Amino acid sequence: MSPNYLLNGAMHPENIPLDIAADITKCKGEDIEVIAEIVKIYVEKANKDVTSRPK
């Protein structure tokens, strides 16, 4: 949990700039769904990259 939790009343991931999180809250619902799908693609890619690394 970050110190922002106590100040803002919500958890904020440490590695996401606050301006990105703030800008996303300004988007429409259908746009947020598109953003969520894009993030999902990158998470899957990152997971694939981690699991495909030689040991």
Protein backbone atom coordinates (compact mmCIF):
# COMPACT_ATOMS: atom_id res chain seq x y z
CA MET A 1 0.00 0.00 0.00
CA SER A 2 1.34 3.41 -0.91
CA PRO A 3 1.21 6.55 1.25
CA ASN A 4 -1.26 7.91 -1.33
CA TYR A 5 -3.81 5.40 -0.01
CA LEU A 6 -4.05 7.33 3.23
CA LEU A 7 -4.14 10.70 1.48
CA ASN A 8 -6.45 9.88 -1.42
CA GLY A 9 -8.50 7.06 0.05
CA ALA A 10 -7.59 4.74 -2.82
CA MET A 11 -4.70 2.49 -3.75
CA HIS A 12 -2.49 3.65 -6.60
CA PRO A 13 0.07 1.40 -8.27
CA GLU A 14 3.54 2.83 -7.74
CA ASN A 15 4.64 2.32 -11.36
CA ILE A 16 1.81 4.24 -13.06
CA PRO A 17 2.22 8.01 -13.28
CA LEU A 18 -0.62 9.85 -11.56
CA ASP A 19 -1.33 11.92 -14.68
CA ILE A 20 -2.13 8.76 -16.66
CA ALA A 21 -4.46 7.49 -13.94
CA ALA A 22 -6.12 10.93 -13.71
CA ASP A 23 -6.54 11.16 -17.48
CA ILE A 24 -8.14 7.72 -17.67
CA THR A 25 -10.81 8.81 -15.18
CA LYS A 26 -11.81 11.52 -17.69
CA CYS A 27 -12.59 8.96 -20.40
CA LYS A 28 -16.03 7.63 -21.29
CA GLY A 29 -17.02 4.12 -20.24
CA GLU A 30 -16.58 2.60 -23.69
CA ASP A 31 -13.16 4.22 -24.00
CA ILE A 32 -12.12 2.75 -20.65
CA GLU A 33 -13.12 -0.67 -21.96
CA VAL A 34 -10.79 -0.18 -24.95
CA ILE A 35 -7.98 0.98 -22.67
CA ALA A 36 -8.54 -2.08 -20.46
CA GLU A 37 -8.25 -4.37 -23.49
CA ILE A 38 -5.02 -2.66 -24.58
CA VAL A 39 -3.57 -3.07 -21.09
CA LYS A 40 -4.64 -6.72 -21.08
CA ILE A 41 -2.72 -7.29 -24.34
CA TYR A 42 0.43 -5.77 -22.86
CA VAL A 43 0.09 -7.79 -19.64
CA GLU A 44 -0.25 -10.99 -21.66
CA LYS A 45 2.81 -9.99 -23.71
CA ALA A 46 4.82 -9.26 -20.57
CA ASN A 47 3.81 -12.59 -19.04
CA LYS A 48 4.73 -14.38 -22.26
CA ASP A 49 8.12 -12.62 -22.33
CA VAL A 50 8.81 -13.67 -18.73
CA THR A 51 7.83 -17.30 -19.27
CA SER A 52 9.76 -17.62 -22.55
CA ARG A 53 13.10 -16.43 -21.12
CA PRO A 54 15.79 -19.11 -21.08
CA LYS A 55 16.72 -20.32 -17.62
